[in-house]
N, C-alpha and C. Protein backbone atom coordinates (compact mmCIF):
# COMPACT_ATOMS: atom_id res chain seq x y z
N GLY A 1 0.96 -1.36 -0.01
CA GLY A 1 -0.05 -0.18 -0.05
C GLY A 1 0.75 1.22 0.04
N ALA A 2 0.19 2.49 0.20
CA ALA A 2 0.84 3.86 -0.09
C ALA A 2 1.80 4.00 1.17
N ALA A 3 1.37 3.57 2.20
CA ALA A 3 1.73 3.71 3.77
C ALA A 3 2.67 2.71 3.89
N GLN A 4 3.72 2.32 3.09
CA GLN A 4 4.49 1.16 3.13
C GLN A 4 6.15 1.50 3.07
N LEU A 5 7.36 1.22 3.81
CA LEU A 5 8.41 1.45 3.33
C LEU A 5 9.03 0.26 2.94
N ILE A 6 9.83 0.32 1.84
CA ILE A 6 10.02 -1.03 0.84
C ILE A 6 11.74 -0.50 0.96
N VAL A 7 12.37 -1.77 1.72
CA VAL A 7 14.03 -1.28 1.17
C VAL A 7 14.29 -2.74 0.63
N GLY A 8 15.49 -2.77 -0.11
CA GLY A 8 15.78 -3.81 -0.94
C GLY A 8 17.43 -3.92 -0.58
N PHE A 9 17.69 -5.24 -0.95
CA PHE A 9 19.01 -5.43 -0.51
C PHE A 9 19.42 -7.10 -1.26
N VAL A 10 20.78 -7.13 -1.41
CA VAL A 10 21.18 -8.02 -2.14
C VAL A 10 22.16 -8.95 -1.23
N ILE A 11 22.35 -10.10 -1.11
CA ILE A 11 23.22 -11.13 -0.37
C ILE A 11 24.22 -11.70 -1.61
N VAL A 12 25.24 -11.78 -1.71
CA VAL A 12 26.17 -12.18 -2.88
C VAL A 12 26.82 -13.15 -2.04
N GLY A 13 27.46 -13.92 -3.06
CA GLY A 13 28.36 -14.74 -2.48
C GLY A 13 28.00 -16.44 -2.65
N ASP A 14 28.63 -17.34 -2.41
CA ASP A 14 28.22 -18.67 -2.35
C ASP A 14 27.82 -19.27 -0.86
N ALA A 15 27.82 -18.81 0.33
CA ALA A 15 27.42 -19.02 1.46
C ALA A 15 26.18 -17.72 1.91
N PRO A 16 25.49 -18.84 3.00
CA PRO A 16 24.67 -17.73 3.82
C PRO A 16 25.12 -16.86 4.29
N ARG A 17 24.24 -15.73 4.89
CA ARG A 17 24.55 -14.34 5.78
C ARG A 17 23.69 -14.17 6.86
N ARG A 18 24.19 -14.26 8.30
CA ARG A 18 23.27 -14.35 9.33
C ARG A 18 22.88 -12.51 9.29
N VAL A 19 21.52 -12.02 9.22
CA VAL A 19 21.40 -10.86 9.13
C VAL A 19 20.34 -10.41 10.33
N LEU A 20 20.51 -9.32 10.73
CA LEU A 20 19.62 -8.64 11.61
C LEU A 20 19.02 -7.30 11.07
N LEU A 21 17.84 -7.44 10.98
CA LEU A 21 16.97 -6.47 10.28
C LEU A 21 16.00 -5.85 11.61
N ARG A 22 15.72 -4.59 11.57
CA ARG A 22 14.97 -4.10 12.18
C ARG A 22 13.88 -3.05 11.73
N GLY A 23 12.77 -2.68 12.34
CA GLY A 23 11.74 -1.82 11.70
C GLY A 23 11.75 -0.80 12.89
N VAL A 24 12.19 0.25 13.16
CA VAL A 24 11.95 0.95 14.85
C VAL A 24 11.33 2.23 13.91
N GLY A 25 10.08 2.29 14.94
CA GLY A 25 9.63 3.34 15.23
C GLY A 25 9.09 4.02 16.51
N PRO A 26 8.62 3.38 17.45
CA PRO A 26 8.68 3.72 19.06
C PRO A 26 10.07 4.58 19.30
N SER A 27 10.98 3.59 19.21
CA SER A 27 11.75 3.73 19.69
C SER A 27 13.08 5.14 19.21
N LEU A 28 12.47 5.23 18.01
CA LEU A 28 13.20 6.87 17.61
C LEU A 28 12.78 7.89 18.28
N LEU A 29 12.08 7.95 19.49
CA LEU A 29 11.67 9.32 20.31
C LEU A 29 12.81 9.09 21.38
N ALA A 30 13.43 8.11 21.61
CA ALA A 30 14.65 8.25 22.96
C ALA A 30 15.93 9.33 22.29
N ASP A 31 15.84 9.19 20.87
CA ASP A 31 17.00 10.19 20.56
C ASP A 31 16.27 11.82 19.99
N SER A 32 15.30 11.42 19.34
CA SER A 32 14.59 12.58 18.88
C SER A 32 13.01 12.84 19.55
N PRO A 33 12.93 13.51 20.77
CA PRO A 33 11.55 13.60 21.44
C PRO A 33 10.83 14.81 20.46
N GLU A 34 11.56 15.10 19.78
CA GLU A 34 10.38 16.36 18.81
C GLU A 34 9.83 15.36 17.88
N LEU A 35 9.79 14.45 17.66
CA LEU A 35 8.88 13.36 17.07
C LEU A 35 7.76 12.75 17.44
N THR A 36 7.49 13.06 18.83
CA THR A 36 6.66 12.89 19.35
C THR A 36 5.16 13.23 18.40
N GLY A 37 4.26 12.05 18.43
CA GLY A 37 3.06 12.08 17.37
C GLY A 37 3.48 11.53 15.83
N LEU A 38 4.68 11.78 15.61
CA LEU A 38 5.07 11.49 14.12
C LEU A 38 5.42 10.20 13.65
N VAL A 39 6.06 9.38 14.77
CA VAL A 39 6.59 8.06 14.59
C VAL A 39 5.18 7.09 14.60
N LEU A 40 5.99 6.24 13.63
CA LEU A 40 5.17 4.70 13.25
C LEU A 40 4.92 4.13 14.85
N GLU A 41 3.81 3.90 15.65
CA GLU A 41 3.76 3.49 16.71
C GLU A 41 3.50 2.12 16.93
N ASN A 42 3.32 1.54 15.81
CA ASN A 42 3.44 -0.11 16.15
C ASN A 42 3.80 -0.87 14.48
N PRO A 43 5.16 -1.00 14.45
CA PRO A 43 5.77 -1.22 13.11
C PRO A 43 5.50 -2.62 12.79
N THR A 44 5.20 -3.32 11.91
CA THR A 44 5.56 -4.62 11.58
C THR A 44 6.76 -4.88 10.52
N LEU A 45 7.35 -5.80 10.58
CA LEU A 45 8.60 -5.68 9.55
C LEU A 45 8.19 -7.65 8.71
N GLN A 46 8.30 -7.23 7.68
CA GLN A 46 8.45 -8.54 6.86
C GLN A 46 9.43 -8.70 5.82
N LEU A 47 9.90 -9.82 5.61
CA LEU A 47 10.89 -10.04 4.76
C LEU A 47 10.76 -10.91 3.78
N ASN A 48 11.08 -10.44 2.43
CA ASN A 48 10.44 -11.30 1.34
C ASN A 48 11.73 -11.69 0.71
N ARG A 49 11.58 -12.73 -0.22
CA ARG A 49 12.99 -12.93 -1.29
C ARG A 49 12.32 -13.39 -2.30
N TYR A 50 13.18 -12.71 -3.47
CA TYR A 50 12.71 -13.09 -5.01
C TYR A 50 13.61 -14.19 -5.44
N THR A 51 12.56 -14.95 -6.33
CA THR A 51 13.01 -16.23 -6.85
C THR A 51 12.13 -16.23 -8.37
N PRO A 52 13.11 -16.03 -9.10
CA PRO A 52 12.47 -15.72 -10.29
C PRO A 52 12.00 -17.27 -11.10
N SER A 53 12.52 -18.46 -10.67
CA SER A 53 12.04 -19.42 -11.04
C SER A 53 10.75 -20.29 -10.53
N GLN A 54 10.23 -19.35 -9.66
CA GLN A 54 9.24 -19.83 -9.15
C GLN A 54 7.65 -18.92 -9.90
N ILE A 55 6.46 -19.40 -9.79
CA ILE A 55 5.42 -18.75 -10.23
C ILE A 55 5.37 -17.46 -9.52
N THR A 56 5.35 -17.66 -8.19
CA THR A 56 5.16 -16.51 -7.09
C THR A 56 6.20 -16.15 -7.07
N LYS A 57 6.71 -14.80 -7.22
CA LYS A 57 8.32 -15.06 -7.40
C LYS A 57 8.10 -14.24 -6.11
N TRP A 58 7.77 -14.00 -5.16
CA TRP A 58 7.74 -13.17 -4.29
C TRP A 58 7.58 -14.16 -2.76
N THR A 59 8.31 -14.52 -1.99
CA THR A 59 7.94 -15.36 -0.98
C THR A 59 8.36 -14.89 0.66
N VAL A 60 7.62 -14.84 1.52
CA VAL A 60 7.72 -14.26 2.65
C VAL A 60 8.83 -15.17 3.43
N VAL A 61 9.75 -14.96 4.00
CA VAL A 61 10.99 -15.77 4.59
C VAL A 61 11.02 -15.55 6.24
N GLY A 62 10.14 -14.32 6.62
CA GLY A 62 10.34 -13.73 8.11
C GLY A 62 9.39 -12.71 8.29
N ALA A 63 8.80 -12.61 9.52
CA ALA A 63 7.99 -11.31 9.96
C ALA A 63 7.84 -11.40 11.32
N ASN A 64 7.67 -10.26 11.71
CA ASN A 64 8.03 -9.78 13.31
C ASN A 64 6.95 -8.37 13.60
N ASP A 65 6.21 -8.70 14.66
CA ASP A 65 5.53 -7.17 14.82
C ASP A 65 5.90 -7.98 16.86
N ASP A 66 6.49 -6.42 17.30
CA ASP A 66 6.69 -6.38 18.86
C ASP A 66 7.60 -7.64 19.38
N TRP A 67 9.13 -6.86 18.94
CA TRP A 67 10.21 -8.07 19.11
C TRP A 67 10.30 -8.52 20.36
N GLY A 68 9.82 -8.08 21.24
CA GLY A 68 9.49 -8.93 22.82
C GLY A 68 10.56 -8.93 23.52
N GLY A 69 12.12 -7.98 23.29
CA GLY A 69 13.22 -8.02 24.51
C GLY A 69 13.94 -9.38 24.30
N ALA A 70 13.80 -10.47 23.30
CA ALA A 70 14.82 -11.72 23.11
C ALA A 70 15.89 -11.41 23.54
N THR A 71 16.48 -12.07 24.36
CA THR A 71 17.79 -12.07 25.04
C THR A 71 18.93 -11.86 23.55
N THR A 72 18.59 -13.21 22.65
CA THR A 72 19.74 -13.03 21.71
C THR A 72 19.25 -11.91 20.54
N LEU A 73 18.20 -11.74 20.43
CA LEU A 73 18.37 -10.29 19.69
C LEU A 73 18.68 -9.31 20.25
N ALA A 74 18.74 -8.86 21.16
CA ALA A 74 19.23 -7.94 22.24
C ALA A 74 20.69 -7.86 22.10
N GLU A 75 21.39 -9.09 22.33
CA GLU A 75 23.10 -9.66 22.17
C GLU A 75 23.22 -9.29 21.10
N THR A 76 22.63 -9.60 20.14
CA THR A 76 23.15 -9.43 18.57
C THR A 76 23.28 -8.03 17.94
N MET A 77 22.03 -7.16 18.52
CA MET A 77 21.89 -5.66 18.40
C MET A 77 23.16 -4.94 18.80
N HIS A 78 23.83 -5.65 20.07
CA HIS A 78 24.80 -4.91 20.93
C HIS A 78 25.92 -5.50 19.87
N ALA A 79 26.12 -6.63 19.59
CA ALA A 79 27.63 -6.92 19.04
C ALA A 79 27.54 -6.29 17.58
N VAL A 80 26.48 -5.88 17.00
CA VAL A 80 26.89 -5.35 15.50
C VAL A 80 26.58 -3.65 15.72
N GLY A 81 26.65 -3.24 16.63
CA GLY A 81 26.67 -1.76 17.25
C GLY A 81 25.37 -1.20 17.14
N MET A 82 24.27 -1.57 17.05
CA MET A 82 23.13 -0.96 17.21
C MET A 82 22.77 -0.49 18.16
N SER A 83 21.75 0.51 18.40
CA SER A 83 21.55 0.78 19.87
C SER A 83 20.45 -0.14 20.29
N ALA A 84 20.11 -0.21 22.07
CA ALA A 84 19.39 -0.89 22.27
C ALA A 84 18.35 -0.44 22.26
N LEU A 85 16.89 -1.35 21.99
CA LEU A 85 15.46 -0.68 22.30
C LEU A 85 15.28 -1.19 23.57
N PRO A 86 13.84 -0.65 24.02
CA PRO A 86 13.45 -1.17 25.00
C PRO A 86 12.72 -2.44 25.03
N ALA A 87 12.78 -3.67 25.85
CA ALA A 87 12.08 -4.61 25.47
C ALA A 87 10.73 -4.70 25.51
N ALA A 88 10.13 -3.72 26.07
CA ALA A 88 8.62 -3.79 25.57
C ALA A 88 8.27 -3.24 24.46
N SER A 89 9.11 -2.49 23.83
CA SER A 89 9.09 -1.66 22.73
C SER A 89 8.27 -2.30 21.75
N LYS A 90 7.42 -1.52 20.96
CA LYS A 90 6.23 -2.14 19.76
C LYS A 90 7.49 -2.17 18.60
N ASP A 91 8.39 -2.35 18.43
CA ASP A 91 9.66 -2.15 17.51
C ASP A 91 9.53 -3.25 16.98
N ALA A 92 9.97 -3.69 15.45
CA ALA A 92 10.45 -5.16 14.91
C ALA A 92 11.44 -5.46 14.79
N VAL A 93 11.78 -7.09 15.29
CA VAL A 93 13.68 -7.40 14.91
C VAL A 93 12.98 -8.47 14.01
N LEU A 94 14.08 -9.08 13.48
CA LEU A 94 14.38 -10.36 12.59
C LEU A 94 15.95 -10.80 13.01
N LEU A 95 16.10 -12.13 13.32
CA LEU A 95 17.11 -12.38 13.11
C LEU A 95 17.23 -13.83 11.99
N VAL A 96 17.70 -13.49 10.98
CA VAL A 96 17.69 -15.10 10.05
C VAL A 96 19.05 -14.86 9.50
N ASP A 97 18.93 -16.01 9.05
CA ASP A 97 19.98 -16.68 8.12
C ASP A 97 19.62 -16.82 6.52
N LEU A 98 20.17 -16.19 6.00
CA LEU A 98 19.64 -16.02 4.58
C LEU A 98 20.81 -16.35 3.50
N PRO A 99 20.18 -17.17 2.33
CA PRO A 99 21.28 -17.37 1.36
C PRO A 99 21.14 -16.66 0.39
N PRO A 100 22.24 -16.45 -0.44
CA PRO A 100 22.53 -15.48 -1.68
C PRO A 100 20.98 -15.43 -2.14
N GLY A 101 20.45 -13.92 -2.23
CA GLY A 101 19.62 -13.75 -3.09
C GLY A 101 19.50 -12.28 -3.23
N ILE A 102 18.13 -11.98 -3.77
CA ILE A 102 17.42 -10.73 -3.86
C ILE A 102 16.10 -10.61 -2.76
N TYR A 103 16.41 -9.40 -2.06
CA TYR A 103 15.52 -9.40 -0.89
C TYR A 103 14.54 -8.07 -0.59
N THR A 104 13.76 -7.67 0.04
CA THR A 104 13.14 -6.76 0.32
C THR A 104 12.57 -6.76 1.70
N ALA A 105 12.95 -5.60 2.70
CA ALA A 105 12.37 -5.31 4.02
C ALA A 105 11.22 -4.67 4.02
N GLN A 106 9.95 -5.04 4.43
CA GLN A 106 8.89 -4.20 4.23
C GLN A 106 8.52 -3.65 5.99
N VAL A 107 8.37 -2.27 5.76
CA VAL A 107 7.82 -1.92 7.31
C VAL A 107 6.14 -1.22 7.03
N THR A 108 5.60 -1.78 7.89
CA THR A 108 3.94 -1.37 7.91
C THR A 108 3.58 -1.02 8.92
N GLY A 109 2.40 -0.29 9.40
CA GLY A 109 1.70 -0.16 10.73
C GLY A 109 0.71 -0.57 11.19
N VAL A 110 0.74 -1.67 12.25
CA VAL A 110 -0.54 -2.42 12.35
C VAL A 110 -1.68 -1.36 12.07
N GLY A 111 -2.71 -1.70 11.70
CA GLY A 111 -4.42 -1.05 11.61
C GLY A 111 -3.80 -0.33 10.68
N ASP A 112 -3.27 -0.18 9.73
CA ASP A 112 -2.93 0.43 8.61
C ASP A 112 -2.62 1.87 9.05
N THR A 113 -1.88 1.86 10.59
CA THR A 113 -1.42 3.15 11.12
C THR A 113 -0.20 3.75 9.79
N THR A 114 0.17 5.24 10.32
CA THR A 114 1.36 5.67 9.57
C THR A 114 2.25 6.37 10.39
N GLY A 115 3.50 6.66 9.84
CA GLY A 115 4.47 7.42 10.51
C GLY A 115 5.84 7.42 10.31
N ILE A 116 6.65 7.92 11.02
CA ILE A 116 7.99 7.92 10.30
C ILE A 116 8.61 6.41 11.16
N ALA A 117 9.34 5.77 10.17
CA ALA A 117 10.00 4.83 10.78
C ALA A 117 11.37 4.60 9.77
N LEU A 118 12.06 3.48 10.70
CA LEU A 118 13.42 3.72 10.07
C LEU A 118 13.61 1.91 9.93
N VAL A 119 14.45 1.75 8.66
CA VAL A 119 14.85 0.24 8.56
C VAL A 119 16.22 0.23 8.82
N GLU A 120 16.45 -0.86 9.44
CA GLU A 120 17.91 -0.91 9.82
C GLU A 120 18.47 -2.33 9.30
N ILE A 121 19.61 -2.83 8.48
CA ILE A 121 19.89 -4.01 7.95
C ILE A 121 21.18 -4.27 8.53
N TYR A 122 21.62 -5.20 8.92
CA TYR A 122 23.20 -5.18 9.32
C TYR A 122 23.57 -7.02 9.31
N GLU A 123 24.78 -7.17 8.93
CA GLU A 123 25.16 -8.19 8.98
C GLU A 123 25.57 -8.91 10.27
N ALA A 124 25.28 -10.20 10.84
CA ALA A 124 25.55 -10.26 12.41
C ALA A 124 26.53 -11.28 12.17
N PRO A 125 27.25 -11.59 13.63
CA PRO A 125 28.11 -12.35 13.86
C PRO A 125 27.30 -13.86 13.95
């Protein structure tokens, strides 16, 4: 839809890569309180892979709404140098192993809500 942030990226090489993706909305307020009322309050994150040989060329390979403060995710965010997210935040986070290919990360608001959001993509250890 019109209220969707789409970021494309490519994994190259012969081996899968571990990737950490975040759809950040409410946690943007920690560093930018002037965005109050403007940020996407409850982002959802969907990861899609493009496979030209399939009839349905785009396949959902991961999704998240409300990351929940999982220890593994928090430790990985710290390891790659991302800022911490509050455990109870409505931000979305995915940690996935991806084979080489073409991907999109899509952020939308729960209930078709809109606002400012940020997509972050990092190679993870």
